[in-house]
Amino acid sequence: MTSNLEYFVNKQEIIKLFNLDEKQAKKKILTVLINHYSTIELTEMGFSGLKKKVDKEYIILKKISKKYFF
């Protein structure tokens, strides 16, 4: 269970991320992903692929935060 966001978000930000509601947390994850991937990669991923990636990262980070921080 690894998340690409582990490399972009430090532990303090993970804690802050889950003090937000789900919508705001996913918005932050989306911003990180958009900044990480190139325009070509985002285009290839498409809307549904990007949405799946955001949901997947949210679930993984939620599990990580519960396991290590709470």
PDB file of N, CA and C in Angstrom:
ATOM      1  N   MET A   1       0.843  -1.174   0.000  1.00  0.00           N
ATOM      2  CA  MET A   1       0.000   0.000   0.000  1.00  0.00           C
ATOM      3  C   MET A   1       0.890   1.239   0.000  1.00  0.00           C
ATOM      4  N   THR A   2       1.214   1.718  -1.183  1.00  0.00           N
ATOM      5  CA  THR A   2       2.000   2.931  -1.276  1.00  0.00           C
ATOM      6  C   THR A   2       1.243   3.964  -2.086  1.00  0.00           C
ATOM      7  N   SER A   3       1.507   5.185  -1.758  1.00  0.00           N
ATOM      8  CA  SER A   3       0.841   6.293  -2.422  1.00  0.00           C
ATOM      9  C   SER A   3       1.883   7.169  -3.079  1.00  0.00           C
ATOM     10  N   ASN A   4       1.608   7.617  -4.286  1.00  0.00           N
ATOM     11  CA  ASN A   4       2.505   8.550  -4.943  1.00  0.00           C
ATOM     12  C   ASN A   4       2.584   9.854  -4.171  1.00  0.00           C
ATOM     13  N   LEU A   5       1.529  10.189  -3.465  1.00  0.00           N
ATOM     14  CA  LEU A   5       1.500  11.457  -2.744  1.00  0.00           C
ATOM     15  C   LEU A   5       2.431  11.467  -1.547  1.00  0.00           C
ATOM     16  N   GLU A   6       2.867  10.293  -1.093  1.00  0.00           N
ATOM     17  CA  GLU A   6       3.811  10.252   0.022  1.00  0.00           C
ATOM     18  C   GLU A   6       5.065  11.058  -0.311  1.00  0.00           C
ATOM     19  N   TYR A   7       5.398  11.123  -1.575  1.00  0.00           N
ATOM     20  CA  TYR A   7       6.598  11.826  -1.994  1.00  0.00           C
ATOM     21  C   TYR A   7       6.381  13.326  -2.120  1.00  0.00           C
ATOM     22  N   PHE A   8       5.126  13.746  -2.178  1.00  0.00           N
ATOM     23  CA  PHE A   8       4.824  15.153  -2.371  1.00  0.00           C
ATOM     24  C   PHE A   8       4.261  15.823  -1.129  1.00  0.00           C
ATOM     25  N   VAL A   9       3.765  15.038  -0.214  1.00  0.00           N
ATOM     26  CA  VAL A   9       3.113  15.571   0.977  1.00  0.00           C
ATOM     27  C   VAL A   9       3.830  15.006   2.196  1.00  0.00           C
ATOM     28  N   ASN A  10       4.304  15.890   3.081  1.00  0.00           N
ATOM     29  CA  ASN A  10       4.985  15.391   4.275  1.00  0.00           C
ATOM     30  C   ASN A  10       3.973  14.936   5.326  1.00  0.00           C
ATOM     31  N   LYS A  11       4.461  14.358   6.398  1.00  0.00           N
ATOM     32  CA  LYS A  11       3.573  13.770   7.410  1.00  0.00           C
ATOM     33  C   LYS A  11       2.647  14.797   8.044  1.00  0.00           C
ATOM     34  N   GLN A  12       3.145  15.994   8.284  1.00  0.00           N
ATOM     35  CA  GLN A  12       2.298  17.033   8.872  1.00  0.00           C
ATOM     36  C   GLN A  12       1.153  17.398   7.936  1.00  0.00           C
ATOM     37  N   GLU A  13       1.449  17.436   6.631  1.00  0.00           N
ATOM     38  CA  GLU A  13       0.404  17.761   5.664  1.00  0.00           C
ATOM     39  C   GLU A  13      -0.624  16.643   5.561  1.00  0.00           C
ATOM     40  N   ILE A  14      -0.194  15.390   5.752  1.00  0.00           N
ATOM     41  CA  ILE A  14      -1.139  14.273   5.744  1.00  0.00           C
ATOM     42  C   ILE A  14      -2.123  14.435   6.896  1.00  0.00           C
ATOM     43  N   ILE A  15      -1.615  14.814   8.058  1.00  0.00           N
ATOM     44  CA  ILE A  15      -2.491  15.025   9.215  1.00  0.00           C
ATOM     45  C   ILE A  15      -3.471  16.163   8.934  1.00  0.00           C
ATOM     46  N   LYS A  16      -2.964  17.270   8.387  1.00  0.00           N
ATOM     47  CA  LYS A  16      -3.835  18.399   8.057  1.00  0.00           C
ATOM     48  C   LYS A  16      -4.866  18.005   7.006  1.00  0.00           C
ATOM     49  N   LEU A  17      -4.433  17.175   6.065  1.00  0.00           N
ATOM     50  CA  LEU A  17      -5.305  16.749   4.975  1.00  0.00           C
ATOM     51  C   LEU A  17      -6.544  16.043   5.500  1.00  0.00           C
ATOM     52  N   PHE A  18      -6.383  15.240   6.537  1.00  0.00           N
ATOM     53  CA  PHE A  18      -7.520  14.500   7.046  1.00  0.00           C
ATOM     54  C   PHE A  18      -8.247  15.202   8.172  1.00  0.00           C
ATOM     55  N   ASN A  19      -7.786  16.406   8.517  1.00  0.00           N
ATOM     56  CA  ASN A  19      -8.594  17.260   9.371  1.00  0.00           C
ATOM     57  C   ASN A  19      -9.586  18.044   8.516  1.00  0.00           C
ATOM     58  N   LEU A  20      -9.382  18.010   7.193  1.00  0.00           N
ATOM     59  CA  LEU A  20     -10.308  18.636   6.259  1.00  0.00           C
ATOM     60  C   LEU A  20     -11.444  17.665   5.968  1.00  0.00           C
ATOM     61  N   ASP A  21     -12.528  18.181   5.413  1.00  0.00           N
ATOM     62  CA  ASP A  21     -13.568  17.255   4.975  1.00  0.00           C
ATOM     63  C   ASP A  21     -13.107  16.578   3.679  1.00  0.00           C
ATOM     64  N   GLU A  22     -13.819  15.545   3.274  1.00  0.00           N
ATOM     65  CA  GLU A  22     -13.398  14.729   2.129  1.00  0.00           C
ATOM     66  C   GLU A  22     -13.258  15.559   0.850  1.00  0.00           C
ATOM     67  N   LYS A  23     -14.179  16.464   0.618  1.00  0.00           N
ATOM     68  CA  LYS A  23     -14.160  17.276  -0.602  1.00  0.00           C
ATOM     69  C   LYS A  23     -12.908  18.149  -0.665  1.00  0.00           C
ATOM     70  N   GLN A  24     -12.567  18.799   0.433  1.00  0.00           N
ATOM     71  CA  GLN A  24     -11.384  19.657   0.462  1.00  0.00           C
ATOM     72  C   GLN A  24     -10.107  18.834   0.359  1.00  0.00           C
ATOM     73  N   ALA A  25     -10.085  17.672   0.989  1.00  0.00           N
ATOM     74  CA  ALA A  25      -8.913  16.801   0.927  1.00  0.00           C
ATOM     75  C   ALA A  25      -8.677  16.325  -0.501  1.00  0.00           C
ATOM     76  N   LYS A  26      -9.748  15.923  -1.173  1.00  0.00           N
ATOM     77  CA  LYS A  26      -9.612  15.468  -2.559  1.00  0.00           C
ATOM     78  C   LYS A  26      -9.195  16.612  -3.480  1.00  0.00           C
ATOM     79  N   LYS A  27      -9.633  17.817  -3.167  1.00  0.00           N
ATOM     80  CA  LYS A  27      -9.231  18.983  -3.958  1.00  0.00           C
ATOM     81  C   LYS A  27      -7.723  19.206  -3.829  1.00  0.00           C
ATOM     82  N   LYS A  28      -7.198  19.064  -2.620  1.00  0.00           N
ATOM     83  CA  LYS A  28      -5.755  19.215  -2.395  1.00  0.00           C
ATOM     84  C   LYS A  28      -4.985  18.112  -3.127  1.00  0.00           C
ATOM     85  N   ILE A  29      -5.485  16.875  -3.065  1.00  0.00           N
ATOM     86  CA  ILE A  29      -4.848  15.759  -3.762  1.00  0.00           C
ATOM     87  C   ILE A  29      -4.849  16.021  -5.264  1.00  0.00           C
ATOM     88  N   LEU A  30      -5.967  16.508  -5.783  1.00  0.00           N
ATOM     89  CA  LEU A  30      -6.065  16.824  -7.205  1.00  0.00           C
ATOM     90  C   LEU A  30      -5.028  17.867  -7.601  1.00  0.00           C
ATOM     91  N   THR A  31      -4.870  18.889  -6.785  1.00  0.00           N
ATOM     92  CA  THR A  31      -3.883  19.935  -7.058  1.00  0.00           C
ATOM     93  C   THR A  31      -2.475  19.359  -7.111  1.00  0.00           C
ATOM     94  N   VAL A  32      -2.149  18.478  -6.174  1.00  0.00           N
ATOM     95  CA  VAL A  32      -0.825  17.851  -6.149  1.00  0.00           C
ATOM     96  C   VAL A  32      -0.613  17.013  -7.405  1.00  0.00           C
ATOM     97  N   LEU A  33      -1.620  16.250  -7.794  1.00  0.00           N
ATOM     98  CA  LEU A  33      -1.505  15.413  -8.991  1.00  0.00           C
ATOM     99  C   LEU A  33      -1.354  16.256 -10.251  1.00  0.00           C
ATOM    100  N   ILE A  34      -2.120  17.327 -10.357  1.00  0.00           N
ATOM    101  CA  ILE A  34      -2.028  18.198 -11.532  1.00  0.00           C
ATOM    102  C   ILE A  34      -0.644  18.823 -11.626  1.00  0.00           C
ATOM    103  N   ASN A  35      -0.077  19.209 -10.497  1.00  0.00           N
ATOM    104  CA  ASN A  35       1.265  19.789 -10.507  1.00  0.00           C
ATOM    105  C   ASN A  35       2.336  18.753 -10.820  1.00  0.00           C
ATOM    106  N   HIS A  36       2.061  17.493 -10.520  1.00  0.00           N
ATOM    107  CA  HIS A  36       3.047  16.429 -10.735  1.00  0.00           C
ATOM    108  C   HIS A  36       3.081  15.941 -12.184  1.00  0.00           C
ATOM    109  N   TYR A  37       1.915  15.728 -12.774  1.00  0.00           N
ATOM    110  CA  TYR A  37       1.842  15.161 -14.115  1.00  0.00           C
ATOM    111  C   TYR A  37       1.911  16.239 -15.187  1.00  0.00           C
ATOM    112  N   SER A  38       2.453  15.861 -16.350  1.00  0.00           N
ATOM    113  CA  SER A  38       2.502  16.782 -17.483  1.00  0.00           C
ATOM    114  C   SER A  38       1.126  16.869 -18.132  1.00  0.00           C
ATOM    115  N   THR A  39       0.961  17.846 -18.990  1.00  0.00           N
ATOM    116  CA  THR A  39      -0.305  18.021 -19.695  1.00  0.00           C
ATOM    117  C   THR A  39      -0.635  16.795 -20.539  1.00  0.00           C
ATOM    118  N   ILE A  40       0.372  16.234 -21.176  1.00  0.00           N
ATOM    119  CA  ILE A  40       0.168  15.047 -22.010  1.00  0.00           C
ATOM    120  C   ILE A  40      -0.305  13.874 -21.160  1.00  0.00           C
ATOM    121  N   GLU A  41       0.340  13.665 -20.007  1.00  0.00           N
ATOM    122  CA  GLU A  41      -0.060  12.567 -19.123  1.00  0.00           C
ATOM    123  C   GLU A  41      -1.488  12.757 -18.611  1.00  0.00           C
ATOM    124  N   LEU A  42      -1.830  13.987 -18.263  1.00  0.00           N
ATOM    125  CA  LEU A  42      -3.185  14.272 -17.785  1.00  0.00           C
ATOM    126  C   LEU A  42      -4.218  14.039 -18.887  1.00  0.00           C
ATOM    127  N   THR A  43      -3.865  14.410 -20.120  1.00  0.00           N
ATOM    128  CA  THR A  43      -4.767  14.197 -21.244  1.00  0.00           C
ATOM    129  C   THR A  43      -4.979  12.712 -21.489  1.00  0.00           C
ATOM    130  N   GLU A  44      -3.893  11.934 -21.426  1.00  0.00           N
ATOM    131  CA  GLU A  44      -3.997  10.485 -21.614  1.00  0.00           C
ATOM    132  C   GLU A  44      -4.839   9.844 -20.509  1.00  0.00           C
ATOM    133  N   MET A  45      -4.687  10.358 -19.297  1.00  0.00           N
ATOM    134  CA  MET A  45      -5.433   9.836 -18.158  1.00  0.00           C
ATOM    135  C   MET A  45      -6.929  10.109 -18.317  1.00  0.00           C
ATOM    136  N   GLY A  46      -7.255  11.277 -18.810  1.00  0.00           N
ATOM    137  CA  GLY A  46      -8.652  11.664 -18.979  1.00  0.00           C
ATOM    138  C   GLY A  46      -9.304  11.989 -17.646  1.00  0.00           C
ATOM    139  N   PHE A  47     -10.526  12.503 -17.732  1.00  0.00           N
ATOM    140  CA  PHE A  47     -11.242  12.900 -16.519  1.00  0.00           C
ATOM    141  C   PHE A  47     -11.495  11.716 -15.598  1.00  0.00           C
ATOM    142  N   SER A  48     -12.000  10.624 -16.168  1.00  0.00           N
ATOM    143  CA  SER A  48     -12.346   9.472 -15.322  1.00  0.00           C
ATOM    144  C   SER A  48     -11.099   8.836 -14.718  1.00  0.00           C
ATOM    145  N   GLY A  49     -10.000   8.803 -15.477  1.00  0.00           N
ATOM    146  CA  GLY A  49      -8.755   8.254 -14.946  1.00  0.00           C
ATOM    147  C   GLY A  49      -8.203   9.099 -13.812  1.00  0.00           C
ATOM    148  N   LEU A  50      -8.289  10.409 -13.974  1.00  0.00           N
ATOM    149  CA  LEU A  50      -7.811  11.323 -12.932  1.00  0.00           C
ATOM    150  C   LEU A  50      -8.685  11.217 -11.685  1.00  0.00           C
ATOM    151  N   LYS A  51      -9.990  11.100 -11.889  1.00  0.00           N
ATOM    152  CA  LYS A  51     -10.903  10.945 -10.753  1.00  0.00           C
ATOM    153  C   LYS A  51     -10.603   9.654  -9.997  1.00  0.00           C
ATOM    154  N   LYS A  52     -10.364   8.561 -10.718  1.00  0.00           N
ATOM    155  CA  LYS A  52     -10.016   7.290 -10.081  1.00  0.00           C
ATOM    156  C   LYS A  52      -8.718   7.423  -9.297  1.00  0.00           C
ATOM    157  N   LYS A  53      -7.743   8.142  -9.873  1.00  0.00           N
ATOM    158  CA  LYS A  53      -6.451   8.339  -9.215  1.00  0.00           C
ATOM    159  C   LYS A  53      -6.631   9.132  -7.917  1.00  0.00           C
ATOM    160  N   VAL A  54      -7.431  10.184  -7.948  1.00  0.00           N
ATOM    161  CA  VAL A  54      -7.691  10.997  -6.751  1.00  0.00           C
ATOM    162  C   VAL A  54      -8.365  10.144  -5.680  1.00  0.00           C
ATOM    163  N   ASP A  55      -9.383   9.381  -6.075  1.00  0.00           N
ATOM    164  CA  ASP A  55     -10.088   8.523  -5.119  1.00  0.00           C
ATOM    165  C   ASP A  55      -9.151   7.485  -4.514  1.00  0.00           C
ATOM    166  N   LYS A  56      -8.318   6.880  -5.356  1.00  0.00           N
ATOM    167  CA  LYS A  56      -7.368   5.862  -4.897  1.00  0.00           C
ATOM    168  C   LYS A  56      -6.373   6.466  -3.905  1.00  0.00           C
ATOM    169  N   GLU A  57      -5.819   7.617  -4.238  1.00  0.00           N
ATOM    170  CA  GLU A  57      -4.853   8.276  -3.358  1.00  0.00           C
ATOM    171  C   GLU A  57      -5.506   8.674  -2.033  1.00  0.00           C
ATOM    172  N   TYR A  58      -6.747   9.125  -2.096  1.00  0.00           N
ATOM    173  CA  TYR A  58      -7.464   9.507  -0.878  1.00  0.00           C
ATOM    174  C   TYR A  58      -7.629   8.303   0.046  1.00  0.00           C
ATOM    175  N   ILE A  59      -8.051   7.186  -0.513  1.00  0.00           N
ATOM    176  CA  ILE A  59      -8.251   5.970   0.287  1.00  0.00           C
ATOM    177  C   ILE A  59      -6.932   5.491   0.882  1.00  0.00           C
ATOM    178  N   ILE A  60      -5.873   5.484   0.079  1.00  0.00           N
ATOM    179  CA  ILE A  60      -4.563   5.035   0.565  1.00  0.00           C
ATOM    180  C   ILE A  60      -4.063   5.947   1.680  1.00  0.00           C
ATOM    181  N   LEU A  61      -4.144   7.254   1.475  1.00  0.00           N
ATOM    182  CA  LEU A  61      -3.666   8.183   2.501  1.00  0.00           C
ATOM    183  C   LEU A  61      -4.525   8.133   3.758  1.00  0.00           C
ATOM    184  N   LYS A  62      -5.804   7.854   3.599  1.00  0.00           N
ATOM    185  CA  LYS A  62      -6.677   7.709   4.764  1.00  0.00           C
ATOM    186  C   LYS A  62      -6.234   6.508   5.599  1.00  0.00           C
ATOM    187  N   LYS A  63      -5.913   5.392   4.925  1.00  0.00           N
ATOM    188  CA  LYS A  63      -5.428   4.202   5.625  1.00  0.00           C
ATOM    189  C   LYS A  63      -4.087   4.480   6.299  1.00  0.00           C
ATOM    190  N   ILE A  64      -3.194   5.169   5.587  1.00  0.00           N
ATOM    191  CA  ILE A  64      -1.880   5.506   6.149  1.00  0.00           C
ATOM    192  C   ILE A  64      -2.049   6.389   7.380  1.00  0.00           C
ATOM    193  N   SER A  65      -2.912   7.392   7.281  1.00  0.00           N
ATOM    194  CA  SER A  65      -3.083   8.313   8.407  1.00  0.00           C
ATOM    195  C   SER A  65      -3.675   7.608   9.618  1.00  0.00           C
ATOM    196  N   LYS A  66      -4.618   6.706   9.405  1.00  0.00           N
ATOM    197  CA  LYS A  66      -5.205   5.975  10.527  1.00  0.00           C
ATOM    198  C   LYS A  66      -4.184   5.045  11.165  1.00  0.00           C
ATOM    199  N   LYS A  67      -3.366   4.417  10.339  1.00  0.00           N
ATOM    200  CA  LYS A  67      -2.401   3.445  10.843  1.00  0.00           C
ATOM    201  C   LYS A  67      -1.286   4.111  11.649  1.00  0.00           C
ATOM    202  N   TYR A  68      -0.776   5.228  11.153  1.00  0.00           N
ATOM    203  CA  TYR A  68       0.408   5.820  11.762  1.00  0.00           C
ATOM    204  C   TYR A  68       0.155   7.028  12.649  1.00  0.00           C
ATOM    205  N   PHE A  69      -0.945   7.712  12.459  1.00  0.00           N
ATOM    206  CA  PHE A  69      -1.111   8.981  13.152  1.00  0.00           C
ATOM    207  C   PHE A  69      -2.259   9.013  14.144  1.00  0.00           C
ATOM    208  N   PHE A  70      -3.168   8.040  14.095  1.00  0.00           N
ATOM    209  CA  PHE A  70      -4.335   8.118  14.973  1.00  0.00           C
ATOM    210  C   PHE A  70      -4.503   6.867  15.770  1.00  0.00           C
TER     211      PHE A  70
END
